Amino acid sequence: MKLQKPKGTQDILPGESRKWQFVEARAREIFGRYRFEEIRTPHFEHYEVISRSVGDTTDIVSKEMYDFYDKGDRHITLRPEGTAPVVRSYVENKLFAPEVQKPVKLFYMGSMFRYERPQAGRLREFHQIGVEAFGSSNPATDVEVIAMAADFFRELGLTGIRLHLNSLGTPQVRATYRQALIDYLLPHKESLSADSQRRLEENPLRVLDSKEKADQALVEGAPSILDYLDEESQAHLDQVRSLLDALGIDYVMDPRMVRGLDYYNHTIFEFITEVKGADLTVCAGGRYDGLVTYFGGPETPGFGFGLGVERLLLLLDKQGVELPGLPALDVYVATLGAEKSNKLKNPYDFSDTDDLSDSTSKEVKVNQAATLLVQSLRRQGLTAEREYLNRKLKAQFKAADQFQAKTLITLGESELESGRVTVKNNATRAQMEVALSDLEQDAAAVVARVLALGDD
């Protein structure tokens, strides 16, 4: 058997992982401005945590979850989404307690797992960044979270992203509309796709979300949930729209947009863009005021969103957004052999190697001195790398260029004997000689002086 990664997973290699780190760091920075704090929940949960919140009839539970019985005969599932685990943690850890500042603002990042057909931007192990805010039913909370997502996309440099907005109203409104939708679709049941026929029985709102052309043609004439909103639901939606207008955040009303998860009410939204002529949802979320009570907690309003990191990175790549790579290296230490020396009278004296052969003694002394030097540079806050492969100097200088090293130090036995090295500006080739002790005391100042040198 050839050992390879499971289908629907990926190895995130060093060059790619830098992009992930950048996106995650930018999310942490922006979410921090809004006073959201990170929460980390287990990668697996009791099956009931997901089935109770998401709903037994959803595709996630019925078709996509990785669930199993562990050795203690407990029904366990790998988490397929982030909201339910966070709500479980919110209740279990009593974050609703009076002494906890409200609203409780949380964000998470991590792996999610769904068994579905792998495709670009959609894997069986995928990664989400999400936020959840508990304790506020104010429409301003809806808008704050939407604005935070918009800020995130803007600061990443993404363009062409459209905000789609809808309301599912109160649970009573949703129930009334559900029945109206069934009444409309039932006479057309045989014309629906197999998936939509199943959803008509189990979760009829999901028929509106079908990607099948025949289904889409049928739902064009379906009743709009906006026509069923009660006074409370309409007032909430009106305030959300007014606040978005005040902030200059453009949006389109999309009454066909729904949620496959049972816990949503009132505001739902998606950020959508077009890729190769097809709409791609980058981020989706909404309000879920009844979910905390499902987990045995007190009645608590909630609002949040989730976005797929793979899909986000795909979009950044499609739009040609340049993400930063590794920062340039401050110092590269090249090593070389030198003439035979006597006992070295400086901090880099390794005279305990004198019992080795002459050539081996030189190599050991230089190797140890290079290690000591590069570690000193790192401990002083500089980024530093050294030669390990005993290559010729030309190959070492090429490696320094590949590292985009700002400065270059060449270290050999003659430098150890004299206690002085040459530090070269790798861009201008200007250089200066300094004592090794100066580098030990204030390497940053030495590097700054060398970088300030002009061309030779």
Protein backbone atom coordinates (compact mmCIF):
# COMPACT_ATOMS: atom_id res chain seq x y z
CA MET A 1 0.00 0.00 0.00
CA LYS A 2 1.34 3.40 -0.97
CA LEU A 3 1.29 5.70 2.04
CA GLN A 4 -0.34 9.01 1.19
CA LYS A 5 -2.73 11.53 2.66
CA PRO A 6 -6.42 10.56 2.91
CA LYS A 7 -8.71 11.68 0.09
CA GLY A 8 -10.09 15.15 0.69
CA THR A 9 -7.18 16.34 2.83
CA GLN A 10 -4.07 18.33 2.01
CA ASP A 11 -0.56 18.94 3.23
CA ILE A 12 0.04 22.65 3.76
CA LEU A 13 3.67 23.03 2.80
CA PRO A 14 6.02 25.78 4.05
CA GLY A 15 5.50 28.20 1.15
CA GLU A 16 1.72 27.90 1.48
CA SER A 17 1.67 27.93 5.27
CA ARG A 18 3.08 31.47 5.24
CA LYS A 19 -0.10 32.56 3.43
CA TRP A 20 -2.22 30.84 6.05
CA GLN A 21 -0.27 32.52 8.83
CA PHE A 22 -0.75 35.92 7.23
CA VAL A 23 -4.53 35.47 6.86
CA GLU A 24 -4.86 34.18 10.42
CA ALA A 25 -2.70 36.98 11.84
CA ARG A 26 -4.73 39.61 9.99
CA ALA A 27 -7.96 38.06 11.32
CA ARG A 28 -6.62 38.15 14.89
CA GLU A 29 -5.57 41.77 14.45
CA ILE A 30 -8.90 42.96 13.05
CA PHE A 31 -11.07 40.90 15.40
CA GLY A 32 -9.03 42.26 18.29
CA ARG A 33 -10.03 45.81 17.36
CA TYR A 34 -13.63 44.73 17.87
CA ARG A 35 -12.72 43.09 21.22
CA PHE A 36 -13.30 39.51 20.10
CA GLU A 37 -11.21 36.94 21.97
CA GLU A 38 -10.08 33.52 20.78
CA ILE A 39 -11.70 30.30 21.97
CA ARG A 40 -10.39 26.82 21.16
CA THR A 41 -12.71 23.82 21.38
CA PRO A 42 -11.95 20.09 20.85
CA HIS A 43 -11.76 18.71 17.33
CA PHE A 44 -14.34 16.08 18.29
CA GLU A 45 -17.57 16.37 20.24
CA HIS A 46 -20.35 14.12 21.46
CA TYR A 47 -22.65 13.36 18.54
CA GLU A 48 -25.59 15.04 20.29
CA VAL A 49 -23.79 18.40 20.39
CA ILE A 50 -24.05 18.61 16.61
CA SER A 51 -27.28 16.72 15.96
CA ARG A 52 -29.20 18.71 18.58
CA SER A 53 -28.13 22.09 17.23
CA VAL A 54 -27.72 21.53 13.51
CA GLY A 55 -30.76 19.28 13.13
CA ASP A 56 -31.07 15.60 12.30
CA THR A 57 -32.57 16.30 8.88
CA THR A 58 -29.74 18.49 7.59
CA ASP A 59 -27.26 17.10 5.07
CA ILE A 60 -24.48 17.67 7.60
CA VAL A 61 -25.93 15.17 10.07
CA SER A 62 -27.62 12.79 7.67
CA LYS A 63 -24.86 12.47 5.07
CA GLU A 64 -21.63 14.32 5.89
CA MET A 65 -20.56 13.81 9.50
CA TYR A 66 -17.60 11.67 10.48
CA ASP A 67 -19.10 9.90 13.51
CA PHE A 68 -18.07 6.75 15.34
CA TYR A 69 -18.28 4.97 18.70
CA ASP A 70 -15.12 5.16 20.77
CA LYS A 71 -13.72 2.44 23.03
CA GLY A 72 -16.04 3.58 25.80
CA ASP A 73 -19.03 3.14 23.46
CA ARG A 74 -19.57 6.91 23.35
CA HIS A 75 -21.02 8.30 20.12
CA ILE A 76 -18.41 10.81 18.92
CA THR A 77 -18.21 13.05 15.86
CA LEU A 78 -15.44 15.12 14.34
CA ARG A 79 -16.76 18.66 14.40
CA PRO A 80 -18.38 19.60 11.05
CA GLU A 81 -18.83 23.29 11.93
CA GLY A 82 -17.75 25.72 14.61
CA THR A 83 -20.84 27.32 16.12
CA ALA A 84 -22.31 24.36 18.03
CA PRO A 85 -19.03 23.53 19.86
CA VAL A 86 -18.63 27.18 20.86
CA VAL A 87 -22.20 27.33 22.17
CA ARG A 88 -21.64 24.09 24.09
CA SER A 89 -18.53 25.62 25.65
CA TYR A 90 -20.37 28.88 26.41
CA VAL A 91 -22.99 26.98 28.40
CA GLU A 92 -20.67 24.41 29.99
CA ASN A 93 -18.26 27.07 31.24
CA LYS A 94 -21.08 29.40 32.37
CA LEU A 95 -19.94 32.35 30.29
CA PHE A 96 -23.48 33.64 30.75
CA ALA A 97 -22.75 34.35 34.43
CA PRO A 98 -23.55 37.92 35.59
CA GLU A 99 -19.89 38.71 36.32
CA VAL A 100 -18.87 38.02 32.69
CA GLN A 101 -18.88 41.14 30.52
CA LYS A 102 -21.62 41.10 27.89
CA PRO A 103 -21.81 40.67 25.02
CA VAL A 104 -19.35 37.77 25.07
CA LYS A 105 -17.35 38.11 21.85
CA LEU A 106 -15.44 35.03 20.67
CA PHE A 107 -13.60 33.88 17.56
CA TYR A 108 -12.11 30.56 16.55
CA MET A 109 -9.83 29.07 13.90
CA GLY A 110 -9.37 25.41 13.12
CA SER A 111 -10.15 22.22 11.26
CA MET A 112 -13.67 21.02 10.48
CA PHE A 113 -14.59 17.68 8.92
CA ARG A 114 -17.32 16.69 6.46
CA TYR A 115 -17.56 13.65 4.23
CA GLU A 116 -18.39 15.15 0.84
CA ARG A 117 -17.04 15.12 -2.69
CA PRO A 118 -13.68 16.96 -2.68
CA GLN A 119 -13.35 19.89 -5.06
CA ALA A 120 -11.47 23.16 -5.30
CA GLY A 121 -11.98 25.11 -2.09
CA ARG A 122 -14.00 22.28 -0.47
CA LEU A 123 -12.22 19.40 1.26
CA ARG A 124 -13.13 16.71 3.78
CA GLU A 125 -10.83 18.32 6.29
CA PHE A 126 -11.25 22.05 5.85
CA HIS A 127 -10.50 25.06 7.98
CA GLN A 128 -12.81 27.74 9.27
CA ILE A 129 -12.39 31.14 10.84
CA GLY A 130 -15.52 32.12 12.71
CA VAL A 131 -16.89 34.55 15.26
CA GLU A 132 -19.75 34.34 17.75
CA ALA A 133 -21.26 37.15 19.87
CA PHE A 134 -23.55 36.22 22.77
CA GLY A 135 -25.88 38.34 24.86
CA SER A 136 -27.06 41.11 22.52
CA SER A 137 -30.30 41.17 20.52
CA ASN A 138 -29.51 44.70 19.30
CA PRO A 139 -29.51 44.89 15.48
CA ALA A 140 -26.31 46.91 15.89
CA THR A 141 -24.57 43.65 16.88
CA ASP A 142 -25.65 42.11 13.56
CA VAL A 143 -24.19 45.06 11.70
CA GLU A 144 -20.99 45.16 13.77
CA VAL A 145 -20.20 41.55 12.91
CA ILE A 146 -21.01 42.09 9.23
CA ALA A 147 -18.83 45.24 9.21
CA MET A 148 -15.98 43.31 10.83
CA ALA A 149 -16.11 40.70 8.06
CA ALA A 150 -16.17 43.49 5.46
CA ASP A 151 -13.11 45.10 7.10
CA PHE A 152 -11.30 41.77 7.01
CA PHE A 153 -11.89 41.28 3.29
CA ARG A 154 -11.00 44.88 2.48
CA GLU A 155 -7.72 44.77 4.40
CA LEU A 156 -6.76 41.51 2.70
CA GLY A 157 -7.16 43.35 -0.60
CA LEU A 158 -10.15 41.40 -1.94
CA THR A 159 -12.46 43.11 -4.41
CA GLY A 160 -15.80 42.35 -6.04
CA ILE A 161 -17.40 40.86 -2.93
CA ARG A 162 -21.14 41.49 -2.57
CA LEU A 163 -23.11 41.37 0.66
CA HIS A 164 -26.40 39.47 0.38
CA LEU A 165 -28.94 39.98 3.15
CA ASN A 166 -32.16 38.26 4.19
CA SER A 167 -34.31 37.64 7.24
CA LEU A 168 -35.74 34.35 8.48
CA GLY A 169 -37.84 36.22 11.04
CA THR A 170 -38.88 34.70 14.34
CA PRO A 171 -39.30 30.92 14.74
CA GLN A 172 -43.03 31.46 14.28
CA VAL A 173 -42.46 33.33 11.02
CA ARG A 174 -40.13 30.62 9.80
CA ALA A 175 -42.68 27.91 10.63
CA THR A 176 -45.45 29.77 8.80
CA TYR A 177 -43.28 30.34 5.77
CA ARG A 178 -42.11 26.73 5.81
CA GLN A 179 -45.70 25.57 5.40
CA ALA A 180 -46.38 28.10 2.64
CA LEU A 181 -43.32 26.86 0.79
CA ILE A 182 -44.42 23.25 1.12
CA ASP A 183 -47.86 24.17 -0.20
CA TYR A 184 -46.25 25.84 -3.22
CA LEU A 185 -43.72 23.10 -3.99
CA LEU A 186 -45.77 19.98 -3.31
CA PRO A 187 -47.73 20.10 -6.62
CA HIS A 188 -44.36 20.29 -8.42
CA LYS A 189 -42.69 17.55 -6.43
CA GLU A 190 -42.14 15.20 -9.39
CA SER A 191 -40.34 17.97 -11.28
CA LEU A 192 -37.84 18.51 -8.48
CA SER A 193 -34.43 16.86 -8.32
CA ALA A 194 -34.05 13.81 -6.07
CA ASP A 195 -32.23 15.86 -3.45
CA SER A 196 -34.93 18.53 -3.44
CA GLN A 197 -37.69 15.91 -3.19
CA ARG A 198 -36.00 14.62 -0.04
CA ARG A 199 -35.51 18.13 1.30
CA LEU A 200 -39.16 18.95 0.67
CA GLU A 201 -40.03 16.35 3.29
CA GLU A 202 -37.20 17.10 5.71
CA ASN A 203 -36.00 20.69 5.29
CA PRO A 204 -38.01 22.49 2.59
CA LEU A 205 -36.18 25.83 2.89
CA ARG A 206 -33.11 24.10 1.47
CA VAL A 207 -34.94 23.61 -1.84
CA LEU A 208 -34.49 27.37 -2.36
CA ASP A 209 -30.75 26.78 -2.14
CA SER A 210 -30.62 24.09 -4.83
CA LYS A 211 -28.05 24.46 -7.60
CA GLU A 212 -30.08 22.29 -10.02
CA LYS A 213 -31.41 24.38 -12.92
CA ALA A 214 -34.83 22.72 -12.89
CA ASP A 215 -35.19 23.43 -9.17
CA GLN A 216 -34.05 27.03 -9.62
CA ALA A 217 -36.68 27.60 -12.30
CA LEU A 218 -39.41 26.30 -9.99
CA VAL A 219 -38.41 28.37 -6.97
CA GLU A 220 -38.44 31.56 -9.02
CA GLY A 221 -42.18 31.69 -8.43
CA ALA A 222 -42.03 30.58 -4.80
CA PRO A 223 -43.38 32.90 -2.11
CA SER A 224 -40.85 35.24 -0.49
CA ILE A 225 -40.24 35.00 3.23
CA LEU A 226 -40.11 38.80 3.34
CA ASP A 227 -43.86 38.79 2.73
CA TYR A 228 -44.38 36.74 5.91
CA LEU A 229 -42.36 38.83 8.37
CA ASP A 230 -44.28 39.91 11.47
CA GLU A 231 -43.91 43.35 13.08
CA GLU A 232 -40.97 42.31 15.27
CA SER A 233 -39.09 40.69 12.40
CA GLN A 234 -39.67 43.61 10.05
CA ALA A 235 -38.52 46.12 12.67
CA HIS A 236 -35.30 44.16 13.26
CA LEU A 237 -34.58 43.95 9.54
CA ASP A 238 -35.33 47.66 9.04
CA GLN A 239 -32.81 48.61 11.73
CA VAL A 240 -30.13 46.36 10.26
CA ARG A 241 -30.63 47.91 6.83
CA SER A 242 -30.62 51.43 8.24
CA LEU A 243 -27.34 50.85 10.09
CA LEU A 244 -25.70 49.30 7.03
CA ASP A 245 -26.80 52.31 5.01
CA ALA A 246 -25.37 54.65 7.65
CA LEU A 247 -22.01 52.86 7.47
CA GLY A 248 -21.99 52.96 3.68
CA ILE A 249 -21.96 49.16 3.41
CA ASP A 250 -23.69 48.15 0.18
CA TYR A 251 -25.92 45.10 0.14
CA VAL A 252 -28.62 43.38 -1.89
CA MET A 253 -31.75 41.81 -0.43
CA ASP A 254 -31.85 38.12 -1.34
CA PRO A 255 -35.12 36.46 -0.23
CA ARG A 256 -34.03 33.15 -1.78
CA MET A 257 -31.03 32.91 0.54
CA VAL A 258 -31.69 30.46 3.36
CA ARG A 259 -29.78 28.36 5.88
CA GLY A 260 -29.46 24.60 6.04
CA LEU A 261 -29.03 24.81 9.80
CA ASP A 262 -32.16 24.89 11.91
CA TYR A 263 -30.99 27.33 14.54
CA TYR A 264 -30.99 30.59 12.55
CA ASN A 265 -33.57 33.37 12.95
CA HIS A 266 -33.85 37.04 11.91
CA THR A 267 -30.76 38.32 10.04
CA ILE A 268 -28.81 36.00 7.78
CA PHE A 269 -26.11 37.15 5.36
CA GLU A 270 -23.49 35.97 2.89
CA PHE A 271 -20.53 37.61 1.23
CA ILE A 272 -20.49 36.36 -2.36
CA THR A 273 -18.15 36.85 -5.29
CA GLU A 274 -17.96 35.54 -8.84
CA VAL A 275 -15.30 33.06 -9.95
CA LYS A 276 -15.31 31.81 -13.54
CA GLY A 277 -18.91 32.90 -14.04
CA ALA A 278 -20.24 31.16 -10.92
CA ASP A 279 -21.16 32.65 -7.56
CA LEU A 280 -18.87 31.64 -4.71
CA THR A 281 -19.88 32.19 -1.08
CA VAL A 282 -16.86 33.37 0.90
CA CYS A 283 -18.51 33.95 4.29
CA ALA A 284 -21.93 33.17 5.75
CA GLY A 285 -23.62 33.80 9.07
CA GLY A 286 -26.55 35.18 10.94
CA ARG A 287 -28.54 35.35 14.17
CA TYR A 288 -29.41 32.34 16.35
CA ASP A 289 -31.27 33.53 19.44
CA GLY A 290 -32.56 30.11 20.51
CA LEU A 291 -29.44 27.99 20.26
CA VAL A 292 -28.08 28.50 23.78
CA THR A 293 -31.31 27.19 25.30
CA TYR A 294 -30.93 24.00 23.21
CA PHE A 295 -27.83 23.31 25.28
CA GLY A 296 -29.53 23.91 28.60
CA GLY A 297 -28.36 27.49 29.02
CA PRO A 298 -30.49 30.56 29.71
CA GLU A 299 -32.23 32.35 26.89
CA THR A 300 -29.37 34.16 25.14
CA PRO A 301 -29.26 35.90 21.76
CA GLY A 302 -26.35 35.10 19.48
CA PHE A 303 -24.90 36.24 16.17
CA GLY A 304 -21.91 35.02 14.18
CA PHE A 305 -20.34 33.90 10.93
CA GLY A 306 -17.97 31.33 9.50
CA LEU A 307 -15.67 31.48 6.50
CA GLY A 308 -13.62 28.79 4.81
CA VAL A 309 -9.89 29.49 4.77
CA GLU A 310 -9.21 27.28 1.73
CA ARG A 311 -11.90 29.10 -0.24
CA LEU A 312 -10.57 32.48 0.92
CA LEU A 313 -7.02 31.62 -0.17
CA LEU A 314 -8.35 30.37 -3.50
CA LEU A 315 -10.06 33.71 -4.04
CA LEU A 316 -6.94 35.67 -3.06
CA ASP A 317 -4.99 33.66 -5.62
CA LYS A 318 -7.61 34.14 -8.35
CA GLN A 319 -7.56 37.90 -7.79
CA GLY A 320 -3.77 38.01 -7.84
CA VAL A 321 -3.48 39.40 -4.30
CA GLU A 322 0.17 39.17 -3.25
CA LEU A 323 0.63 37.82 0.26
CA PRO A 324 3.92 38.46 2.08
CA GLY A 325 6.50 35.71 2.26
CA LEU A 326 9.18 35.21 4.88
CA PRO A 327 10.81 38.49 5.94
CA ALA A 328 14.33 39.07 4.67
CA LEU A 329 17.05 37.47 6.77
CA ASP A 330 19.04 39.89 8.94
CA VAL A 331 22.32 37.95 8.93
CA TYR A 332 23.72 34.96 7.07
CA VAL A 333 26.89 33.42 8.53
CA ALA A 334 29.10 31.74 5.93
CA THR A 335 31.88 29.42 7.14
CA LEU A 336 35.26 28.56 5.60
CA GLY A 337 38.49 26.78 6.50
CA ALA A 338 41.67 28.75 7.30
CA GLU A 339 45.34 28.31 8.12
CA LYS A 340 46.40 26.44 11.24
CA SER A 341 46.22 28.52 14.40
CA ASN A 342 47.50 28.23 17.91
CA LYS A 343 45.31 28.35 21.04
CA LEU A 344 42.72 31.08 20.48
CA LYS A 345 42.69 33.92 23.01
CA ASN A 346 39.05 35.09 22.59
CA PRO A 347 35.52 34.07 23.60
CA TYR A 348 35.38 31.70 20.65
CA ASP A 349 38.36 29.64 21.92
CA PHE A 350 37.68 25.92 21.50
CA SER A 351 41.16 24.66 22.46
CA ASP A 352 39.63 21.47 23.84
CA THR A 353 39.65 20.25 20.21
CA ASP A 354 43.46 20.35 20.01
CA ASP A 355 43.65 16.59 20.48
CA LEU A 356 41.87 16.11 17.11
CA SER A 357 43.67 16.00 13.77
CA ASP A 358 44.59 19.42 12.41
CA SER A 359 41.92 19.53 9.67
CA THR A 360 39.20 18.12 11.94
CA SER A 361 40.14 20.57 14.69
CA LYS A 362 39.69 23.50 12.30
CA GLU A 363 36.27 22.28 11.18
CA VAL A 364 35.06 21.69 14.74
CA LYS A 365 36.27 25.10 15.92
CA VAL A 366 34.60 26.95 13.05
CA ASN A 367 31.43 24.87 13.35
CA GLN A 368 31.14 25.58 17.07
CA ALA A 369 32.00 29.25 16.61
CA ALA A 370 29.34 29.64 13.90
CA THR A 371 26.75 28.02 16.17
CA LEU A 372 27.70 30.30 19.04
CA LEU A 373 27.56 33.38 16.82
CA VAL A 374 24.23 32.63 15.14
CA GLN A 375 22.58 31.79 18.48
CA SER A 376 23.85 35.07 19.95
CA LEU A 377 22.33 36.97 17.02
CA ARG A 378 18.97 35.23 17.44
CA ARG A 379 18.88 35.85 21.17
CA GLN A 380 19.36 39.54 20.44
CA GLY A 381 16.22 39.51 18.29
CA LEU A 382 17.75 39.23 14.82
CA THR A 383 16.82 36.61 12.25
CA ALA A 384 19.92 34.61 11.47
CA GLU A 385 20.96 31.53 9.48
CA ARG A 386 24.29 29.81 8.98
CA GLU A 387 26.00 27.34 6.67
CA TYR A 388 25.58 23.69 7.65
CA LEU A 389 26.52 21.76 4.51
CA ASN A 390 30.22 22.68 4.18
CA ARG A 391 29.64 24.06 0.68
CA LYS A 392 32.07 26.24 -1.22
CA LEU A 393 31.82 29.95 -0.57
CA LYS A 394 30.17 30.65 -3.93
CA ALA A 395 27.33 28.26 -3.08
CA GLN A 396 27.01 29.82 0.38
CA PHE A 397 26.75 33.33 -1.07
CA LYS A 398 24.06 32.06 -3.44
CA ALA A 399 22.17 30.64 -0.45
CA ALA A 400 22.43 34.02 1.28
CA ASP A 401 20.85 35.66 -1.78
CA GLN A 402 18.05 33.07 -1.80
CA PHE A 403 17.39 33.88 1.86
CA GLN A 404 17.36 37.57 0.90
CA ALA A 405 19.95 38.12 3.62
CA LYS A 406 20.51 41.78 4.45
CA THR A 407 24.03 41.21 5.74
CA LEU A 408 26.66 38.52 5.37
CA ILE A 409 29.36 37.45 7.82
CA THR A 410 32.18 35.16 6.71
CA LEU A 411 33.65 33.16 9.58
CA GLY A 412 36.80 31.06 9.44
CA GLU A 413 39.71 30.15 11.65
CA SER A 414 41.62 33.34 10.83
CA GLU A 415 38.61 35.37 12.05
CA LEU A 416 38.53 33.32 15.24
CA GLU A 417 42.21 33.89 15.81
CA SER A 418 41.92 37.67 15.33
CA GLY A 419 38.54 37.97 17.05
CA ARG A 420 37.31 40.13 14.18
CA VAL A 421 34.94 39.50 11.26
CA THR A 422 33.83 41.35 8.16
CA VAL A 423 30.12 42.22 8.00
CA LYS A 424 28.98 42.89 4.43
CA ASN A 425 25.90 44.73 3.18
CA ASN A 426 24.56 42.07 0.84
CA ALA A 427 22.79 44.61 -1.39
CA THR A 428 25.53 47.22 -1.86
CA ARG A 429 28.52 44.94 -1.11
CA ALA A 430 29.85 47.66 1.21
CA GLN A 431 31.47 46.16 4.28
CA MET A 432 33.07 46.90 7.62
CA GLU A 433 35.25 44.97 10.02
CA VAL A 434 34.04 44.58 13.58
CA ALA A 435 35.06 42.72 16.70
CA LEU A 436 33.16 39.54 17.51
CA SER A 437 32.66 41.01 20.97
CA ASP A 438 30.79 43.96 19.39
CA LEU A 439 28.38 41.51 17.78
CA GLU A 440 27.90 39.80 21.13
CA GLN A 441 27.08 43.09 22.84
CA ASP A 442 24.86 44.84 20.27
CA ALA A 443 24.51 43.02 16.98
CA ALA A 444 21.50 45.10 15.93
CA ALA A 445 23.57 48.30 16.07
CA VAL A 446 26.33 46.70 14.00
CA VAL A 447 23.85 45.49 11.37
CA ALA A 448 22.21 48.92 11.23
CA ARG A 449 25.58 50.60 10.61
CA VAL A 450 26.42 48.15 7.84
CA LEU A 451 23.04 48.62 6.17
CA ALA A 452 23.60 52.38 6.22
CA LEU A 453 26.83 51.98 4.22
CA GLY A 454 26.68 53.09 0.57
CA ASP A 455 28.13 51.37 -2.46
CA ASP A 456 31.83 50.58 -2.49
